[in-house]
Amino acid sequence: MPSDENAVTENLGSAVATVDGLIEGFFSMLPKVVIALVLFILMLVVASIVKALVKRILTSRASSGVGIALGRIVQLVIIFVGLLVSVAIVAPSVGAAELLQILGVGSVAIGFAFRDILQNFLAGLLLLLRQPFVAGDWIQFRGFEGTVQEVSTRSTWVKTFDGSDISIPNGELFKDPVTVMTKDFMIRTDYEIGVGYDADLEQAKSVILDAVESIDAVLDDKKPDIGVSDLAASAVLLRARWWTTTDDVYSTKLAVLQAIKEALDAAGISIPYPHRQLIVYPSATGQKSS
């Protein structure tokens, strides 16, 4: 029994000594922890201020998206440096190389987990820097067509002409072809008009060209033209082409088509309906099928 009591006393004394050591170590490290915490908070504040400055400076010289993206990158770099310094204060034995190695392994794991997010971020940054299109441009992409509303670091918002808002990931916009309709201020419109095989083609082309040129929105820099594009089943197809500004494409097309129809009617040139020939074979009994 005395030996058991001595063993319990020794274990209890060892546990108390361990707790005392932990408490003493905590209080001895507390000043370093406070200093590291204050320093990290200060770096967070500095990072926010620098982010705002970068955004303001770059927004005055480029698009607002470039300022926002680069401001975030600078903010993350400052926070990362503050984290390294804070860890070095709390644990001086942990060198920068060891900490960078740990963070490197962690960043690889994060990169695999958030690959699409990082891809869209990098693509968005490149789009903001290169600016193949900006807010207000009319683009076509994978069946979507509309006006760019915003280019952010993750996606590009497009408002279609029927009023829908589409969010397209920047990674897809960066990899696949995008048609920027407003890259140049002029755009060409094509349209096919069918006339009868008995019509005078030269007269029909002259009437259509005069109708196209009568619309004020049709540009004079590049003259409209017309020619036979196809010999269809019931009509000769004439393709008319004209140029207009990108702002007047839709309204100009409506006006041109109305002018063409009225001019053809006035000239007595008809636009034929499709013709079909029905052949009725006699039935097996010798009677005509209905």
Protein backbone atom coordinates (compact mmCIF):
# COMPACT_ATOMS: atom_id res chain seq x y z
CA MET A 1 0.00 0.00 0.00
CA PRO A 2 2.71 2.61 0.82
CA SER A 3 4.31 1.91 -2.56
CA ASP A 4 0.99 2.52 -4.35
CA GLU A 5 0.51 5.78 -2.50
CA ASN A 6 4.04 6.89 -3.42
CA ALA A 7 3.38 6.09 -7.11
CA VAL A 8 0.14 8.10 -7.10
CA THR A 9 1.92 11.00 -5.41
CA GLU A 10 4.74 10.93 -7.95
CA ASN A 11 2.32 10.85 -10.91
CA LEU A 12 0.27 13.65 -9.44
CA GLY A 13 3.37 15.72 -8.89
CA SER A 14 4.52 15.10 -12.47
CA ALA A 15 1.11 16.16 -13.85
CA VAL A 16 1.12 19.32 -11.76
CA ALA A 17 4.64 20.13 -12.94
CA THR A 18 3.59 19.63 -16.56
CA VAL A 19 0.58 21.93 -16.18
CA ASP A 20 2.75 24.53 -14.46
CA GLY A 21 5.20 24.34 -17.32
CA LEU A 22 2.46 24.80 -19.89
CA ILE A 23 1.02 27.78 -18.05
CA GLU A 24 4.45 29.31 -17.63
CA GLY A 25 5.22 28.74 -21.32
CA PHE A 26 1.90 30.28 -22.38
CA PHE A 27 2.49 33.43 -20.33
CA SER A 28 6.05 33.64 -21.58
CA MET A 29 4.80 33.46 -25.21
CA LEU A 30 1.81 35.74 -24.62
CA PRO A 31 3.71 38.99 -25.39
CA LYS A 32 4.93 37.50 -28.67
CA VAL A 33 1.42 36.35 -29.58
CA VAL A 34 0.01 39.80 -28.82
CA ILE A 35 2.73 41.50 -30.88
CA ALA A 36 2.20 39.08 -33.78
CA LEU A 37 -1.57 39.58 -33.63
CA VAL A 38 -1.27 43.37 -33.56
CA LEU A 39 1.20 43.24 -36.46
CA PHE A 40 -1.08 41.00 -38.52
CA ILE A 41 -4.08 43.28 -37.91
CA LEU A 42 -1.93 46.25 -38.92
CA MET A 43 -0.94 44.46 -42.13
CA LEU A 44 -4.63 43.78 -42.86
CA VAL A 45 -5.35 47.49 -42.54
CA VAL A 46 -2.36 48.38 -44.73
CA ALA A 47 -3.47 45.81 -47.32
CA SER A 48 -6.95 47.33 -47.49
CA ILE A 49 -5.53 50.85 -47.89
CA VAL A 50 -3.10 49.78 -50.61
CA LYS A 51 -5.90 47.89 -52.41
CA ALA A 52 -8.03 51.04 -52.46
CA LEU A 53 -5.10 53.14 -53.73
CA VAL A 54 -4.26 50.67 -56.51
CA LYS A 55 -7.91 50.52 -57.53
CA ARG A 56 -8.19 54.31 -57.63
CA ILE A 57 -4.95 54.82 -59.58
CA LEU A 58 -5.57 52.11 -62.17
CA THR A 59 -9.26 52.95 -62.57
CA SER A 60 -8.30 56.45 -63.67
CA ARG A 61 -5.95 55.01 -66.32
CA ALA A 62 -7.71 51.78 -67.36
CA SER A 63 -10.97 49.98 -66.75
CA SER A 64 -12.32 49.59 -63.23
CA GLY A 65 -12.02 45.78 -63.51
CA VAL A 66 -8.22 46.00 -63.89
CA GLY A 67 -7.97 48.16 -60.77
CA ILE A 68 -10.15 45.79 -58.76
CA ALA A 69 -8.23 42.68 -59.87
CA LEU A 70 -4.72 44.05 -59.30
CA GLY A 71 -5.84 45.65 -56.04
CA ARG A 72 -6.94 42.25 -54.76
CA ILE A 73 -3.65 40.65 -55.80
CA VAL A 74 -1.61 43.33 -54.00
CA GLN A 75 -3.83 42.92 -50.95
CA LEU A 76 -3.25 39.15 -50.86
CA VAL A 77 0.53 39.60 -51.21
CA ILE A 78 0.64 42.04 -48.27
CA ILE A 79 -1.49 39.73 -46.13
CA PHE A 80 0.77 36.79 -47.01
CA VAL A 81 3.88 38.77 -45.99
CA GLY A 82 2.18 39.78 -42.74
CA LEU A 83 1.37 36.13 -42.02
CA LEU A 84 5.01 35.11 -42.55
CA VAL A 85 6.29 37.85 -40.22
CA SER A 86 3.69 37.05 -37.54
CA VAL A 87 4.56 33.34 -37.56
CA ALA A 88 8.26 34.20 -37.36
CA ILE A 89 7.59 36.32 -34.24
CA VAL A 90 5.59 33.62 -32.45
CA ALA A 91 7.81 30.69 -33.52
CA PRO A 92 11.32 31.89 -34.39
CA SER A 93 12.48 28.30 -34.80
CA VAL A 94 10.23 27.92 -37.83
CA GLY A 95 12.24 29.31 -40.72
CA ALA A 96 10.87 30.94 -43.82
CA ALA A 97 11.89 27.95 -45.95
CA GLU A 98 9.93 25.49 -43.81
CA LEU A 99 6.89 27.77 -43.73
CA LEU A 100 6.97 28.29 -47.49
CA GLN A 101 7.26 24.53 -47.99
CA ILE A 102 4.18 23.92 -45.84
CA LEU A 103 2.26 26.66 -47.62
CA GLY A 104 3.41 25.30 -50.98
CA VAL A 105 1.98 21.85 -50.26
CA GLY A 106 -1.21 23.45 -49.04
CA SER A 107 -1.48 25.67 -52.12
CA VAL A 108 -1.16 22.62 -54.40
CA ALA A 109 -4.03 20.93 -52.58
CA ILE A 110 -6.09 24.11 -52.74
CA GLY A 111 -5.24 24.46 -56.42
CA PHE A 112 -6.66 21.02 -57.22
CA ALA A 113 -9.75 21.66 -55.11
CA PHE A 114 -10.46 25.09 -56.61
CA ARG A 115 -9.01 24.58 -60.08
CA ASP A 116 -11.99 26.04 -61.93
CA ILE A 117 -12.16 29.07 -59.65
CA LEU A 118 -8.45 29.80 -60.09
CA GLN A 119 -8.70 29.24 -63.84
CA ASN A 120 -11.57 31.71 -64.12
CA PHE A 121 -9.70 34.22 -61.93
CA LEU A 122 -6.53 34.09 -64.04
CA ALA A 123 -8.56 34.22 -67.26
CA GLY A 124 -10.52 37.18 -65.94
CA LEU A 125 -7.29 38.97 -65.04
CA LEU A 126 -5.93 38.42 -68.57
CA LEU A 127 -9.19 39.58 -70.12
CA LEU A 128 -9.09 42.73 -68.02
CA LEU A 129 -5.49 43.42 -69.01
CA ARG A 130 -5.82 42.64 -72.74
CA GLN A 131 -9.37 43.99 -73.04
CA PRO A 132 -10.58 42.14 -76.17
CA PHE A 133 -13.97 43.55 -75.18
CA VAL A 134 -15.19 45.99 -72.55
CA ALA A 135 -18.47 46.91 -70.93
CA GLY A 136 -20.90 48.09 -73.60
CA ASP A 137 -19.55 45.88 -76.38
CA TRP A 138 -21.89 43.64 -78.37
CA ILE A 139 -20.56 40.06 -78.40
CA GLN A 140 -21.63 36.63 -79.68
CA PHE A 141 -20.54 33.50 -77.83
CA ARG A 142 -21.90 29.94 -78.06
CA GLY A 143 -25.38 31.00 -79.10
CA PHE A 144 -25.48 33.87 -76.62
CA GLU A 145 -25.68 37.38 -78.04
CA GLY A 146 -25.91 40.63 -76.14
CA THR A 147 -24.16 43.57 -74.53
CA VAL A 148 -21.36 43.16 -71.99
CA GLN A 149 -22.42 44.63 -68.66
CA GLU A 150 -19.44 43.80 -66.46
CA VAL A 151 -16.14 41.95 -66.69
CA SER A 152 -15.21 40.69 -63.21
CA THR A 153 -12.39 38.45 -62.06
CA ARG A 154 -14.63 35.37 -62.13
CA SER A 155 -17.20 35.82 -64.91
CA THR A 156 -18.52 38.19 -67.52
CA TRP A 157 -22.12 39.38 -67.34
CA VAL A 158 -23.93 39.76 -70.66
CA LYS A 159 -27.42 41.19 -71.11
CA THR A 160 -29.09 39.56 -74.10
CA PHE A 161 -31.35 41.52 -76.41
CA ASP A 162 -34.43 39.90 -74.88
CA GLY A 163 -33.48 41.28 -71.44
CA SER A 164 -31.91 38.17 -69.87
CA ASP A 165 -28.71 38.42 -67.82
CA ILE A 166 -26.15 35.69 -68.58
CA SER A 167 -23.05 34.96 -66.48
CA ILE A 168 -20.31 33.38 -68.61
CA PRO A 169 -17.19 31.97 -66.85
CA ASN A 170 -14.06 33.81 -67.91
CA GLY A 171 -12.18 30.56 -68.53
CA GLU A 172 -14.56 29.67 -71.36
CA LEU A 173 -14.42 33.16 -72.86
CA PHE A 174 -10.62 33.06 -72.82
CA LYS A 175 -10.33 29.64 -74.50
CA ASP A 176 -13.12 29.72 -77.10
CA PRO A 177 -13.72 32.15 -79.98
CA VAL A 178 -15.76 35.25 -79.18
CA THR A 179 -17.22 37.49 -81.87
CA VAL A 180 -17.04 41.17 -80.89
CA MET A 181 -19.59 42.84 -83.13
CA THR A 182 -18.68 46.37 -82.00
CA LYS A 183 -14.93 46.03 -82.49
CA ASP A 184 -15.39 48.17 -85.61
CA PHE A 185 -18.05 50.85 -85.90
CA MET A 186 -19.36 49.45 -89.22
CA ILE A 187 -21.08 46.12 -89.77
CA ARG A 188 -22.51 44.47 -92.88
CA THR A 189 -25.99 42.95 -93.10
CA ASP A 190 -27.03 40.37 -95.72
CA TYR A 191 -30.53 39.39 -96.78
CA GLU A 192 -31.92 37.19 -99.56
CA ILE A 193 -35.00 38.22 -101.56
CA GLY A 194 -36.75 35.80 -103.92
CA VAL A 195 -38.20 36.92 -107.25
CA GLY A 196 -39.99 34.88 -109.87
CA TYR A 197 -38.16 33.14 -112.70
CA ASP A 198 -40.07 35.29 -115.19
CA ALA A 199 -38.89 38.55 -113.59
CA ASP A 200 -36.37 40.89 -115.19
CA LEU A 201 -33.35 40.33 -112.94
CA GLU A 202 -31.61 43.58 -113.83
CA GLN A 203 -34.76 45.54 -113.09
CA ALA A 204 -35.28 43.64 -109.81
CA LYS A 205 -31.70 44.29 -108.70
CA SER A 206 -31.98 47.98 -109.56
CA VAL A 207 -35.27 48.35 -107.66
CA ILE A 208 -33.87 46.60 -104.57
CA LEU A 209 -30.64 48.62 -104.59
CA ASP A 210 -32.56 51.89 -104.87
CA ALA A 211 -34.74 50.83 -101.94
CA VAL A 212 -31.71 49.98 -99.81
CA GLU A 213 -29.96 53.26 -100.62
CA SER A 214 -33.09 55.23 -99.77
CA ILE A 215 -32.63 54.45 -96.06
CA ASP A 216 -30.61 57.18 -94.33
CA ALA A 217 -28.96 54.79 -91.84
CA VAL A 218 -27.33 52.81 -94.67
CA LEU A 219 -23.75 54.07 -94.96
CA ASP A 220 -22.40 55.63 -98.14
CA ASP A 221 -18.75 54.79 -97.34
CA LYS A 222 -19.27 51.28 -98.66
CA LYS A 223 -21.95 51.07 -101.31
CA PRO A 224 -24.67 48.40 -101.07
CA ASP A 225 -24.48 45.59 -103.62
CA ILE A 226 -26.70 42.80 -104.87
CA GLY A 227 -26.35 39.65 -106.92
CA VAL A 228 -27.91 36.28 -107.67
CA SER A 229 -27.08 33.97 -104.77
CA ASP A 230 -29.11 30.85 -105.60
CA LEU A 231 -31.57 29.32 -108.04
CA ALA A 232 -34.15 27.93 -105.64
CA ALA A 233 -37.09 25.65 -106.39
CA SER A 234 -39.62 28.42 -106.89
CA ALA A 235 -37.62 31.66 -106.98
CA VAL A 236 -34.38 33.30 -108.00
CA LEU A 237 -32.68 34.42 -104.79
CA LEU A 238 -31.01 37.82 -104.81
CA ARG A 239 -28.65 38.60 -101.93
CA ALA A 240 -28.55 42.26 -100.95
CA ARG A 241 -25.73 43.54 -98.73
CA TRP A 242 -25.42 46.89 -97.02
CA TRP A 243 -23.33 48.53 -94.30
CA THR A 244 -24.49 50.39 -91.22
CA THR A 245 -23.18 51.37 -87.80
CA THR A 246 -23.35 48.79 -85.04
CA ASP A 247 -25.86 50.95 -83.17
CA ASP A 248 -28.43 50.87 -86.00
CA VAL A 249 -28.27 47.26 -87.20
CA TYR A 250 -31.70 46.04 -86.11
CA SER A 251 -33.73 49.18 -86.85
CA THR A 252 -32.00 49.65 -90.20
CA LYS A 253 -32.76 46.08 -91.24
CA LEU A 254 -36.46 46.55 -90.47
CA ALA A 255 -36.55 49.77 -92.49
CA VAL A 256 -34.65 48.22 -95.44
CA LEU A 257 -36.92 45.17 -95.68
CA GLN A 258 -40.05 47.34 -95.63
CA ALA A 259 -38.59 49.61 -98.32
CA ILE A 260 -37.70 46.58 -100.50
CA LYS A 261 -41.19 45.11 -100.22
CA GLU A 262 -42.89 48.40 -101.08
CA ALA A 263 -40.52 49.04 -104.00
CA LEU A 264 -41.07 45.57 -105.48
CA ASP A 265 -44.83 45.95 -105.18
CA ALA A 266 -44.68 49.35 -106.89
CA ALA A 267 -42.59 47.88 -109.72
CA GLY A 268 -44.97 44.94 -110.19
CA ILE A 269 -42.32 42.38 -109.20
CA SER A 270 -43.82 39.62 -107.09
CA ILE A 271 -42.14 37.58 -104.38
CA PRO A 272 -43.37 34.06 -105.22
CA TYR A 273 -44.66 31.57 -102.71
CA PRO A 274 -43.03 28.12 -102.55
CA HIS A 275 -44.44 25.79 -105.22
CA ARG A 276 -45.06 22.09 -104.65
CA GLN A 277 -46.04 19.49 -107.23
CA LEU A 278 -48.28 16.69 -106.00
CA ILE A 279 -48.35 13.46 -108.02
CA VAL A 280 -51.23 11.06 -107.25
CA TYR A 281 -50.59 7.44 -108.23
CA PRO A 282 -53.50 5.09 -108.96
CA SER A 283 -54.26 2.53 -106.27
CA ALA A 284 -53.86 -1.22 -106.73
CA THR A 285 -57.59 -1.56 -107.52
CA GLY A 286 -57.35 0.79 -110.46
CA GLN A 287 -59.03 3.71 -108.69
CA LYS A 288 -57.34 6.96 -107.94
CA SER A 289 -56.26 7.40 -104.37
CA SER A 290 -57.75 10.30 -102.51
